[in-house]
Amino acid sequence: MFRPASLTDTRVCAVREALSPYDWRRLTPEMVSRRALAAIDSPGTADAVPVARHDERIGVLAEPLKSCRWRSLTVEAVSRRLVTALDAWLHESQWLEIELRWISDERS
């Protein structure tokens, strides 16, 4: 299991600030993810435009929301869950890249 993001993480704070002005519990997991990613990509930008619908990270963030009763959580808990999911995905992607390089080096 990946270590959860801290509530003081600047990305968690940015996501919280991006979601707070909205009735975020009424949004779909995908829209919450799009708004969260916009806040992570452009921290401190007021009213950032949600990322494009085709961004591959949307599914990465939406799935953990779909697997729990996220609407009963606080905005801080949802923000932390989203950043943790993104970190875990990035970590896995980095390891995959390393492993692919090892395989490539072995064949050379």
PDB file of N, CA and C in Angstrom:
ATOM      1  N   MET A   1       0.843  -1.190   0.000  1.00  0.00           N
ATOM      2  CA  MET A   1       0.000   0.000   0.000  1.00  0.00           C
ATOM      3  C   MET A   1       0.876   1.236   0.000  1.00  0.00           C
ATOM      4  N   PHE A   2       0.451   2.237  -0.714  1.00  0.00           N
ATOM      5  CA  PHE A   2       1.193   3.481  -0.826  1.00  0.00           C
ATOM      6  C   PHE A   2       0.864   4.369   0.364  1.00  0.00           C
ATOM      7  N   ARG A   3       1.857   5.107   0.837  1.00  0.00           N
ATOM      8  CA  ARG A   3       1.672   5.994   1.988  1.00  0.00           C
ATOM      9  C   ARG A   3       0.724   7.151   1.622  1.00  0.00           C
ATOM     10  N   PRO A   4      -0.293   7.389   2.450  1.00  0.00           N
ATOM     11  CA  PRO A   4      -1.244   8.474   2.154  1.00  0.00           C
ATOM     12  C   PRO A   4      -0.575   9.852   2.156  1.00  0.00           C
ATOM     13  N   ALA A   5      -1.060  10.723   1.321  1.00  0.00           N
ATOM     14  CA  ALA A   5      -0.550  12.097   1.263  1.00  0.00           C
ATOM     15  C   ALA A   5      -0.909  12.815   2.560  1.00  0.00           C
ATOM     16  N   SER A   6      -0.069  13.754   2.932  1.00  0.00           N
ATOM     17  CA  SER A   6      -0.293  14.539   4.144  1.00  0.00           C
ATOM     18  C   SER A   6      -1.361  15.601   3.895  1.00  0.00           C
ATOM     19  N   LEU A   7      -2.098  15.913   4.926  1.00  0.00           N
ATOM     20  CA  LEU A   7      -3.095  16.985   4.809  1.00  0.00           C
ATOM     21  C   LEU A   7      -2.446  18.344   4.571  1.00  0.00           C
ATOM     22  N   THR A   8      -1.142  18.453   4.874  1.00  0.00           N
ATOM     23  CA  THR A   8      -0.428  19.712   4.653  1.00  0.00           C
ATOM     24  C   THR A   8       0.268  19.749   3.292  1.00  0.00           C
ATOM     25  N   ASP A   9       0.182  18.675   2.539  1.00  0.00           N
ATOM     26  CA  ASP A   9       0.755  18.627   1.187  1.00  0.00           C
ATOM     27  C   ASP A   9       0.107  19.748   0.373  1.00  0.00           C
ATOM     28  N   THR A  10       0.918  20.509  -0.339  1.00  0.00           N
ATOM     29  CA  THR A  10       0.389  21.643  -1.098  1.00  0.00           C
ATOM     30  C   THR A  10      -0.638  21.208  -2.155  1.00  0.00           C
ATOM     31  N   ARG A  11      -0.458  20.018  -2.695  1.00  0.00           N
ATOM     32  CA  ARG A  11      -1.412  19.521  -3.693  1.00  0.00           C
ATOM     33  C   ARG A  11      -2.758  19.191  -3.049  1.00  0.00           C
ATOM     34  N   VAL A  12      -2.724  18.616  -1.848  1.00  0.00           N
ATOM     35  CA  VAL A  12      -3.966  18.321  -1.125  1.00  0.00           C
ATOM     36  C   VAL A  12      -4.696  19.629  -0.825  1.00  0.00           C
ATOM     37  N   CYS A  13      -3.952  20.622  -0.384  1.00  0.00           N
ATOM     38  CA  CYS A  13      -4.548  21.936  -0.102  1.00  0.00           C
ATOM     39  C   CYS A  13      -5.123  22.560  -1.366  1.00  0.00           C
ATOM     40  N   ALA A  14      -4.410  22.418  -2.484  1.00  0.00           N
ATOM     41  CA  ALA A  14      -4.892  22.984  -3.751  1.00  0.00           C
ATOM     42  C   ALA A  14      -6.187  22.305  -4.201  1.00  0.00           C
ATOM     43  N   VAL A  15      -6.249  20.986  -4.049  1.00  0.00           N
ATOM     44  CA  VAL A  15      -7.468  20.261  -4.427  1.00  0.00           C
ATOM     45  C   VAL A  15      -8.622  20.674  -3.525  1.00  0.00           C
ATOM     46  N   ARG A  16      -8.362  20.755  -2.236  1.00  0.00           N
ATOM     47  CA  ARG A  16      -9.404  21.183  -1.288  1.00  0.00           C
ATOM     48  C   ARG A  16      -9.951  22.556  -1.675  1.00  0.00           C
ATOM     49  N   GLU A  17      -9.041  23.483  -1.979  1.00  0.00           N
ATOM     50  CA  GLU A  17      -9.463  24.835  -2.353  1.00  0.00           C
ATOM     51  C   GLU A  17     -10.231  24.840  -3.675  1.00  0.00           C
ATOM     52  N   ALA A  18      -9.862  23.945  -4.582  1.00  0.00           N
ATOM     53  CA  ALA A  18     -10.549  23.889  -5.882  1.00  0.00           C
ATOM     54  C   ALA A  18     -11.948  23.301  -5.763  1.00  0.00           C
ATOM     55  N   LEU A  19     -12.124  22.344  -4.855  1.00  0.00           N
ATOM     56  CA  LEU A  19     -13.429  21.697  -4.713  1.00  0.00           C
ATOM     57  C   LEU A  19     -14.383  22.457  -3.802  1.00  0.00           C
ATOM     58  N   SER A  20     -13.857  23.120  -2.805  1.00  0.00           N
ATOM     59  CA  SER A  20     -14.683  23.759  -1.768  1.00  0.00           C
ATOM     60  C   SER A  20     -15.759  24.713  -2.288  1.00  0.00           C
ATOM     61  N   PRO A  21     -15.488  25.540  -3.301  1.00  0.00           N
ATOM     62  CA  PRO A  21     -16.541  26.479  -3.741  1.00  0.00           C
ATOM     63  C   PRO A  21     -17.738  25.791  -4.399  1.00  0.00           C
ATOM     64  N   TYR A  22     -17.592  24.521  -4.749  1.00  0.00           N
ATOM     65  CA  TYR A  22     -18.648  23.811  -5.479  1.00  0.00           C
ATOM     66  C   TYR A  22     -19.391  22.860  -4.549  1.00  0.00           C
ATOM     67  N   ASP A  23     -20.574  22.482  -4.965  1.00  0.00           N
ATOM     68  CA  ASP A  23     -21.297  21.415  -4.286  1.00  0.00           C
ATOM     69  C   ASP A  23     -20.708  20.116  -4.838  1.00  0.00           C
ATOM     70  N   TRP A  24     -19.474  19.854  -4.465  1.00  0.00           N
ATOM     71  CA  TRP A  24     -18.674  18.782  -5.068  1.00  0.00           C
ATOM     72  C   TRP A  24     -19.267  17.396  -4.860  1.00  0.00           C
ATOM     73  N   ARG A  25     -20.080  17.209  -3.854  1.00  0.00           N
ATOM     74  CA  ARG A  25     -20.695  15.894  -3.626  1.00  0.00           C
ATOM     75  C   ARG A  25     -21.709  15.547  -4.723  1.00  0.00           C
ATOM     76  N   ARG A  26     -22.176  16.541  -5.431  1.00  0.00           N
ATOM     77  CA  ARG A  26     -23.138  16.307  -6.521  1.00  0.00           C
ATOM     78  C   ARG A  26     -22.432  16.054  -7.864  1.00  0.00           C
ATOM     79  N   LEU A  27     -21.136  16.269  -7.904  1.00  0.00           N
ATOM     80  CA  LEU A  27     -20.382  16.034  -9.131  1.00  0.00           C
ATOM     81  C   LEU A  27     -20.130  14.541  -9.318  1.00  0.00           C
ATOM     82  N   THR A  28     -19.856  14.151 -10.548  1.00  0.00           N
ATOM     83  CA  THR A  28     -19.473  12.764 -10.812  1.00  0.00           C
ATOM     84  C   THR A  28     -18.028  12.568 -10.361  1.00  0.00           C
ATOM     85  N   PRO A  29     -17.613  11.322 -10.106  1.00  0.00           N
ATOM     86  CA  PRO A  29     -16.216  11.078  -9.759  1.00  0.00           C
ATOM     87  C   PRO A  29     -15.256  11.613 -10.837  1.00  0.00           C
ATOM     88  N   GLU A  30     -15.681  11.528 -12.081  1.00  0.00           N
ATOM     89  CA  GLU A  30     -14.835  12.019 -13.169  1.00  0.00           C
ATOM     90  C   GLU A  30     -14.653  13.532 -13.098  1.00  0.00           C
ATOM     91  N   MET A  31     -15.728  14.267 -12.823  1.00  0.00           N
ATOM     92  CA  MET A  31     -15.619  15.726 -12.745  1.00  0.00           C
ATOM     93  C   MET A  31     -14.817  16.151 -11.517  1.00  0.00           C
ATOM     94  N   VAL A  32     -15.000  15.465 -10.411  1.00  0.00           N
ATOM     95  CA  VAL A  32     -14.183  15.754  -9.227  1.00  0.00           C
ATOM     96  C   VAL A  32     -12.710  15.538  -9.580  1.00  0.00           C
ATOM     97  N   SER A  33     -12.423  14.462 -10.288  1.00  0.00           N
ATOM     98  CA  SER A  33     -11.046  14.154 -10.694  1.00  0.00           C
ATOM     99  C   SER A  33     -10.502  15.208 -11.647  1.00  0.00           C
ATOM    100  N   ARG A  34     -11.311  15.656 -12.584  1.00  0.00           N
ATOM    101  CA  ARG A  34     -10.867  16.679 -13.538  1.00  0.00           C
ATOM    102  C   ARG A  34     -10.539  17.990 -12.826  1.00  0.00           C
ATOM    103  N   ARG A  35     -11.373  18.376 -11.869  1.00  0.00           N
ATOM    104  CA  ARG A  35     -11.115  19.601 -11.100  1.00  0.00           C
ATOM    105  C   ARG A  35      -9.880  19.434 -10.220  1.00  0.00           C
ATOM    106  N   ALA A  36      -9.739  18.259  -9.621  1.00  0.00           N
ATOM    107  CA  ALA A  36      -8.578  17.992  -8.767  1.00  0.00           C
ATOM    108  C   ALA A  36      -7.285  18.049  -9.581  1.00  0.00           C
ATOM    109  N   LEU A  37      -7.282  17.450 -10.742  1.00  0.00           N
ATOM    110  CA  LEU A  37      -6.082  17.459 -11.586  1.00  0.00           C
ATOM    111  C   LEU A  37      -5.727  18.874 -12.041  1.00  0.00           C
ATOM    112  N   ALA A  38      -6.728  19.679 -12.338  1.00  0.00           N
ATOM    113  CA  ALA A  38      -6.464  21.072 -12.715  1.00  0.00           C
ATOM    114  C   ALA A  38      -5.794  21.806 -11.560  1.00  0.00           C
ATOM    115  N   ALA A  39      -6.248  21.556 -10.337  1.00  0.00           N
ATOM    116  CA  ALA A  39      -5.656  22.197  -9.158  1.00  0.00           C
ATOM    117  C   ALA A  39      -4.233  21.707  -8.915  1.00  0.00           C
ATOM    118  N   ILE A  40      -3.990  20.425  -9.141  1.00  0.00           N
ATOM    119  CA  ILE A  40      -2.651  19.855  -8.956  1.00  0.00           C
ATOM    120  C   ILE A  40      -1.699  20.402 -10.014  1.00  0.00           C
ATOM    121  N   ASP A  41      -2.177  20.495 -11.244  1.00  0.00           N
ATOM    122  CA  ASP A  41      -1.343  20.976 -12.345  1.00  0.00           C
ATOM    123  C   ASP A  41      -1.041  22.472 -12.248  1.00  0.00           C
ATOM    124  N   SER A  42      -1.965  23.230 -11.693  1.00  0.00           N
ATOM    125  CA  SER A  42      -1.810  24.692 -11.607  1.00  0.00           C
ATOM    126  C   SER A  42      -2.163  25.173 -10.204  1.00  0.00           C
ATOM    127  N   PRO A  43      -1.348  24.803  -9.204  1.00  0.00           N
ATOM    128  CA  PRO A  43      -1.690  25.211  -7.835  1.00  0.00           C
ATOM    129  C   PRO A  43      -1.728  26.735  -7.694  1.00  0.00           C
ATOM    130  N   GLY A  44      -2.672  27.201  -6.918  1.00  0.00           N
ATOM    131  CA  GLY A  44      -2.791  28.633  -6.685  1.00  0.00           C
ATOM    132  C   GLY A  44      -3.569  29.384  -7.746  1.00  0.00           C
ATOM    133  N   THR A  45      -3.966  28.689  -8.809  1.00  0.00           N
ATOM    134  CA  THR A  45      -4.750  29.327  -9.859  1.00  0.00           C
ATOM    135  C   THR A  45      -6.217  29.283  -9.464  1.00  0.00           C
ATOM    136  N   ALA A  46      -6.785  30.435  -9.261  1.00  0.00           N
ATOM    137  CA  ALA A  46      -8.189  30.502  -8.856  1.00  0.00           C
ATOM    138  C   ALA A  46      -9.077  30.055 -10.012  1.00  0.00           C
ATOM    139  N   ASP A  47     -10.027  29.200  -9.718  1.00  0.00           N
ATOM    140  CA  ASP A  47     -11.019  28.740 -10.689  1.00  0.00           C
ATOM    141  C   ASP A  47     -10.380  28.148 -11.947  1.00  0.00           C
ATOM    142  N   ALA A  48      -9.435  27.224 -11.747  1.00  0.00           N
ATOM    143  CA  ALA A  48      -8.772  26.563 -12.875  1.00  0.00           C
ATOM    144  C   ALA A  48      -9.784  25.751 -13.682  1.00  0.00           C
ATOM    145  N   VAL A  49      -9.612  25.729 -14.968  1.00  0.00           N
ATOM    146  CA  VAL A  49     -10.480  24.973 -15.864  1.00  0.00           C
ATOM    147  C   VAL A  49     -10.170  23.486 -15.686  1.00  0.00           C
ATOM    148  N   PRO A  50     -11.189  22.636 -15.531  1.00  0.00           N
ATOM    149  CA  PRO A  50     -10.932  21.195 -15.386  1.00  0.00           C
ATOM    150  C   PRO A  50     -10.110  20.664 -16.553  1.00  0.00           C
ATOM    151  N   VAL A  51      -9.288  19.648 -16.290  1.00  0.00           N
ATOM    152  CA  VAL A  51      -8.477  19.072 -17.362  1.00  0.00           C
ATOM    153  C   VAL A  51      -9.396  18.450 -18.413  1.00  0.00           C
ATOM    154  N   ALA A  52      -8.847  18.242 -19.588  1.00  0.00           N
ATOM    155  CA  ALA A  52      -9.612  17.681 -20.704  1.00  0.00           C
ATOM    156  C   ALA A  52     -10.116  16.277 -20.375  1.00  0.00           C
ATOM    157  N   ARG A  53     -11.237  15.923 -20.962  1.00  0.00           N
ATOM    158  CA  ARG A  53     -11.877  14.627 -20.696  1.00  0.00           C
ATOM    159  C   ARG A  53     -11.024  13.427 -21.077  1.00  0.00           C
ATOM    160  N   HIS A  54     -10.083  13.598 -21.969  1.00  0.00           N
ATOM    161  CA  HIS A  54      -9.273  12.475 -22.436  1.00  0.00           C
ATOM    162  C   HIS A  54      -7.995  12.274 -21.616  1.00  0.00           C
ATOM    163  N   ASP A  55      -7.772  13.059 -20.583  1.00  0.00           N
ATOM    164  CA  ASP A  55      -6.577  12.915 -19.745  1.00  0.00           C
ATOM    165  C   ASP A  55      -6.609  11.551 -19.061  1.00  0.00           C
ATOM    166  N   GLU A  56      -5.551  10.762 -19.253  1.00  0.00           N
ATOM    167  CA  GLU A  56      -5.520   9.396 -18.723  1.00  0.00           C
ATOM    168  C   GLU A  56      -5.549   9.337 -17.201  1.00  0.00           C
ATOM    169  N   ARG A  57      -5.208  10.418 -16.543  1.00  0.00           N
ATOM    170  CA  ARG A  57      -5.174  10.422 -15.080  1.00  0.00           C
ATOM    171  C   ARG A  57      -6.567  10.490 -14.455  1.00  0.00           C
ATOM    172  N   ILE A  58      -7.578  10.867 -15.223  1.00  0.00           N
ATOM    173  CA  ILE A  58      -8.933  10.973 -14.689  1.00  0.00           C
ATOM    174  C   ILE A  58      -9.392   9.624 -14.127  1.00  0.00           C
ATOM    175  N   GLY A  59      -9.209   8.580 -14.880  1.00  0.00           N
ATOM    176  CA  GLY A  59      -9.584   7.237 -14.422  1.00  0.00           C
ATOM    177  C   GLY A  59      -8.811   6.805 -13.200  1.00  0.00           C
ATOM    178  N   VAL A  60      -7.543   7.218 -13.139  1.00  0.00           N
ATOM    179  CA  VAL A  60      -6.689   6.881 -11.999  1.00  0.00           C
ATOM    180  C   VAL A  60      -7.264   7.467 -10.714  1.00  0.00           C
ATOM    181  N   LEU A  61      -7.804   8.670 -10.788  1.00  0.00           N
ATOM    182  CA  LEU A  61      -8.374   9.315  -9.612  1.00  0.00           C
ATOM    183  C   LEU A  61      -9.831   8.927  -9.377  1.00  0.00           C
ATOM    184  N   ALA A  62     -10.575   8.696 -10.444  1.00  0.00           N
ATOM    185  CA  ALA A  62     -12.003   8.381 -10.298  1.00  0.00           C
ATOM    186  C   ALA A  62     -12.227   6.999  -9.692  1.00  0.00           C
ATOM    187  N   GLU A  63     -11.401   6.038 -10.019  1.00  0.00           N
ATOM    188  CA  GLU A  63     -11.598   4.670  -9.520  1.00  0.00           C
ATOM    189  C   GLU A  63     -11.586   4.573  -7.999  1.00  0.00           C
ATOM    190  N   PRO A  64     -10.619   5.175  -7.298  1.00  0.00           N
ATOM    191  CA  PRO A  64     -10.659   5.104  -5.831  1.00  0.00           C
ATOM    192  C   PRO A  64     -11.900   5.763  -5.227  1.00  0.00           C
ATOM    193  N   LEU A  65     -12.437   6.765  -5.911  1.00  0.00           N
ATOM    194  CA  LEU A  65     -13.672   7.382  -5.425  1.00  0.00           C
ATOM    195  C   LEU A  65     -14.845   6.424  -5.600  1.00  0.00           C
ATOM    196  N   LYS A  66     -14.890   5.778  -6.751  1.00  0.00           N
ATOM    197  CA  LYS A  66     -15.990   4.854  -7.035  1.00  0.00           C
ATOM    198  C   LYS A  66     -15.999   3.655  -6.091  1.00  0.00           C
ATOM    199  N   SER A  67     -14.836   3.320  -5.539  1.00  0.00           N
ATOM    200  CA  SER A  67     -14.736   2.129  -4.685  1.00  0.00           C
ATOM    201  C   SER A  67     -15.038   2.409  -3.217  1.00  0.00           C
ATOM    202  N   CYS A  68     -15.468   3.627  -2.902  1.00  0.00           N
ATOM    203  CA  CYS A  68     -15.807   3.947  -1.509  1.00  0.00           C
ATOM    204  C   CYS A  68     -17.008   4.892  -1.479  1.00  0.00           C
ATOM    205  N   ARG A  69     -17.472   5.193  -0.299  1.00  0.00           N
ATOM    206  CA  ARG A  69     -18.597   6.128  -0.129  1.00  0.00           C
ATOM    207  C   ARG A  69     -18.014   7.539  -0.002  1.00  0.00           C
ATOM    208  N   TRP A  70     -17.433   8.019  -1.081  1.00  0.00           N
ATOM    209  CA  TRP A  70     -16.681   9.268  -1.046  1.00  0.00           C
ATOM    210  C   TRP A  70     -17.540  10.489  -0.740  1.00  0.00           C
ATOM    211  N   ARG A  71     -18.807  10.441  -1.051  1.00  0.00           N
ATOM    212  CA  ARG A  71     -19.676  11.600  -0.782  1.00  0.00           C
ATOM    213  C   ARG A  71     -19.908  11.810   0.711  1.00  0.00           C
ATOM    214  N   SER A  72     -19.616  10.797   1.515  1.00  0.00           N
ATOM    215  CA  SER A  72     -19.762  10.939   2.970  1.00  0.00           C
ATOM    216  C   SER A  72     -18.465  11.447   3.615  1.00  0.00           C
ATOM    217  N   LEU A  73     -17.400  11.578   2.827  1.00  0.00           N
ATOM    218  CA  LEU A  73     -16.116  12.056   3.340  1.00  0.00           C
ATOM    219  C   LEU A  73     -16.068  13.583   3.349  1.00  0.00           C
ATOM    220  N   THR A  74     -15.129  14.112   4.096  1.00  0.00           N
ATOM    221  CA  THR A  74     -14.893  15.556   4.068  1.00  0.00           C
ATOM    222  C   THR A  74     -14.126  15.910   2.810  1.00  0.00           C
ATOM    223  N   VAL A  75     -14.107  17.169   2.459  1.00  0.00           N
ATOM    224  CA  VAL A  75     -13.349  17.609   1.286  1.00  0.00           C
ATOM    225  C   VAL A  75     -11.860  17.351   1.500  1.00  0.00           C
ATOM    226  N   GLU A  76     -11.390  17.447   2.744  1.00  0.00           N
ATOM    227  CA  GLU A  76      -9.981  17.158   3.036  1.00  0.00           C
ATOM    228  C   GLU A  76      -9.659  15.686   2.771  1.00  0.00           C
ATOM    229  N   ALA A  77     -10.547  14.797   3.203  1.00  0.00           N
ATOM    230  CA  ALA A  77     -10.324  13.362   3.006  1.00  0.00           C
ATOM    231  C   ALA A  77     -10.351  12.990   1.526  1.00  0.00           C
ATOM    232  N   VAL A  78     -11.277  13.580   0.785  1.00  0.00           N
ATOM    233  CA  VAL A  78     -11.353  13.313  -0.662  1.00  0.00           C
ATOM    234  C   VAL A  78     -10.095  13.845  -1.345  1.00  0.00           C
ATOM    235  N   SER A  79      -9.670  15.029  -0.972  1.00  0.00           N
ATOM    236  CA  SER A  79      -8.468  15.628  -1.569  1.00  0.00           C
ATOM    237  C   SER A  79      -7.246  14.751  -1.304  1.00  0.00           C
ATOM    238  N   ARG A  80      -7.134  14.282  -0.091  1.00  0.00           N
ATOM    239  CA  ARG A  80      -6.007  13.415   0.286  1.00  0.00           C
ATOM    240  C   ARG A  80      -6.055  12.105  -0.487  1.00  0.00           C
ATOM    241  N   ARG A  81      -7.235  11.524  -0.619  1.00  0.00           N
ATOM    242  CA  ARG A  81      -7.394  10.266  -1.356  1.00  0.00           C
ATOM    243  C   ARG A  81      -6.982  10.439  -2.825  1.00  0.00           C
ATOM    244  N   LEU A  82      -7.368  11.552  -3.415  1.00  0.00           N
ATOM    245  CA  LEU A  82      -7.041  11.796  -4.817  1.00  0.00           C
ATOM    246  C   LEU A  82      -5.539  11.970  -5.033  1.00  0.00           C
ATOM    247  N   VAL A  83      -4.896  12.743  -4.184  1.00  0.00           N
ATOM    248  CA  VAL A  83      -3.452  12.955  -4.322  1.00  0.00           C
ATOM    249  C   VAL A  83      -2.701  11.646  -4.072  1.00  0.00           C
ATOM    250  N   THR A  84      -3.150  10.863  -3.106  1.00  0.00           N
ATOM    251  CA  THR A  84      -2.513   9.573  -2.828  1.00  0.00           C
ATOM    252  C   THR A  84      -2.643   8.639  -4.023  1.00  0.00           C
ATOM    253  N   ALA A  85      -3.814   8.604  -4.641  1.00  0.00           N
ATOM    254  CA  ALA A  85      -4.019   7.756  -5.819  1.00  0.00           C
ATOM    255  C   ALA A  85      -3.108   8.188  -6.962  1.00  0.00           C
ATOM    256  N   LEU A  86      -2.968   9.481  -7.160  1.00  0.00           N
ATOM    257  CA  LEU A  86      -2.089   9.984  -8.218  1.00  0.00           C
ATOM    258  C   LEU A  86      -0.635   9.629  -7.930  1.00  0.00           C
ATOM    259  N   ASP A  87      -0.209   9.797  -6.677  1.00  0.00           N
ATOM    260  CA  ASP A  87       1.164   9.446  -6.304  1.00  0.00           C
ATOM    261  C   ASP A  87       1.447   7.962  -6.525  1.00  0.00           C
ATOM    262  N   ALA A  88       0.508   7.111  -6.140  1.00  0.00           N
ATOM    263  CA  ALA A  88       0.681   5.666  -6.318  1.00  0.00           C
ATOM    264  C   ALA A  88       0.807   5.315  -7.802  1.00  0.00           C
ATOM    265  N   TRP A  89      -0.021   5.936  -8.628  1.00  0.00           N
ATOM    266  CA  TRP A  89       0.027   5.683 -10.066  1.00  0.00           C
ATOM    267  C   TRP A  89       1.352   6.151 -10.669  1.00  0.00           C
ATOM    268  N   LEU A  90       1.806   7.338 -10.256  1.00  0.00           N
ATOM    269  CA  LEU A  90       3.084   7.842 -10.757  1.00  0.00           C
ATOM    270  C   LEU A  90       4.233   6.942 -10.326  1.00  0.00           C
ATOM    271  N   HIS A  91       4.180   6.464  -9.092  1.00  0.00           N
ATOM    272  CA  HIS A  91       5.210   5.558  -8.571  1.00  0.00           C
ATOM    273  C   HIS A  91       5.247   4.259  -9.385  1.00  0.00           C
ATOM    274  N   GLU A  92       4.081   3.682  -9.631  1.00  0.00           N
ATOM    275  CA  GLU A  92       3.995   2.459 -10.437  1.00  0.00           C
ATOM    276  C   GLU A  92       4.518   2.700 -11.851  1.00  0.00           C
ATOM    277  N   SER A  93       4.185   3.837 -12.424  1.00  0.00           N
ATOM    278  CA  SER A  93       4.638   4.166 -13.785  1.00  0.00           C
ATOM    279  C   SER A  93       6.155   4.277 -13.843  1.00  0.00           C
ATOM    280  N   GLN A  94       6.735   4.887 -12.824  1.00  0.00           N
ATOM    281  CA  GLN A  94       8.191   5.017 -12.780  1.00  0.00           C
ATOM    282  C   GLN A  94       8.863   3.653 -12.673  1.00  0.00           C
ATOM    283  N   TRP A  95       8.306   2.771 -11.846  1.00  0.00           N
ATOM    284  CA  TRP A  95       8.872   1.437 -11.716  1.00  0.00           C
ATOM    285  C   TRP A  95       8.737   0.650 -13.013  1.00  0.00           C
ATOM    286  N   LEU A  96       7.635   0.787 -13.681  1.00  0.00           N
ATOM    287  CA  LEU A  96       7.453   0.104 -14.960  1.00  0.00           C
ATOM    288  C   LEU A  96       8.507   0.562 -15.957  1.00  0.00           C
ATOM    289  N   GLU A  97       8.757   1.860 -15.986  1.00  0.00           N
ATOM    290  CA  GLU A  97       9.769   2.402 -16.891  1.00  0.00           C
ATOM    291  C   GLU A  97      11.158   1.841 -16.564  1.00  0.00           C
ATOM    292  N   ILE A  98      11.477   1.748 -15.289  1.00  0.00           N
ATOM    293  CA  ILE A  98      12.768   1.191 -14.865  1.00  0.00           C
ATOM    294  C   ILE A  98      12.876  -0.269 -15.286  1.00  0.00           C
ATOM    295  N   GLU A  99      11.824  -1.032 -15.026  1.00  0.00           N
ATOM    296  CA  GLU A  99      11.846  -2.452 -15.382  1.00  0.00           C
ATOM    297  C   GLU A  99      11.976  -2.651 -16.892  1.00  0.00           C
ATOM    298  N   LEU A 100      11.314  -1.812 -17.663  1.00  0.00           N
ATOM    299  CA  LEU A 100      11.440  -1.908 -19.121  1.00  0.00           C
ATOM    300  C   LEU A 100      12.863  -1.609 -19.579  1.00  0.00           C
ATOM    301  N   ARG A 101      13.515  -0.653 -18.915  1.00  0.00           N
ATOM    302  CA  ARG A 101      14.919  -0.358 -19.240  1.00  0.00           C
ATOM    303  C   ARG A 101      15.808  -1.545 -18.911  1.00  0.00           C
ATOM    304  N   TRP A 102      15.551  -2.207 -17.770  1.00  0.00           N
ATOM    305  CA  TRP A 102      16.355  -3.376 -17.395  1.00  0.00           C
ATOM    306  C   TRP A 102      16.208  -4.470 -18.451  1.00  0.00           C
ATOM    307  N   ILE A 103      14.990  -4.713 -18.889  1.00  0.00           N
ATOM    308  CA  ILE A 103      14.752  -5.734 -19.898  1.00  0.00           C
ATOM    309  C   ILE A 103      15.464  -5.345 -21.201  1.00  0.00           C
ATOM    310  N   SER A 104      15.373  -4.079 -21.559  1.00  0.00           N
ATOM    311  CA  SER A 104      16.030  -3.595 -22.773  1.00  0.00           C
ATOM    312  C   SER A 104      17.543  -3.747 -22.672  1.00  0.00           C
ATOM    313  N   ASP A 105      18.112  -3.438 -21.510  1.00  0.00           N
ATOM    314  CA  ASP A 105      19.559  -3.571 -21.306  1.00  0.00           C
ATOM    315  C   ASP A 105      20.020  -5.029 -21.370  1.00  0.00           C
ATOM    316  N   GLU A 106      19.192  -5.947 -20.873  1.00  0.00           N
ATOM    317  CA  GLU A 106      19.537  -7.365 -20.886  1.00  0.00           C
ATOM    318  C   GLU A 106      19.581  -7.898 -22.324  1.00  0.00           C
ATOM    319  N   ARG A 107      18.773  -7.350 -23.176  1.00  0.00           N
ATOM    320  CA  ARG A 107      18.708  -7.817 -24.575  1.00  0.00           C
ATOM    321  C   ARG A 107      19.807  -7.185 -25.432  1.00  0.00           C
ATOM    322  N   SER A 108      20.428  -6.148 -24.929  1.00  0.00           N
ATOM    323  CA  SER A 108      21.463  -5.446 -25.715  1.00  0.00           C
ATOM    324  C   SER A 108      22.790  -6.160 -25.652  1.00  0.00           C
TER     325      SER A 108
END
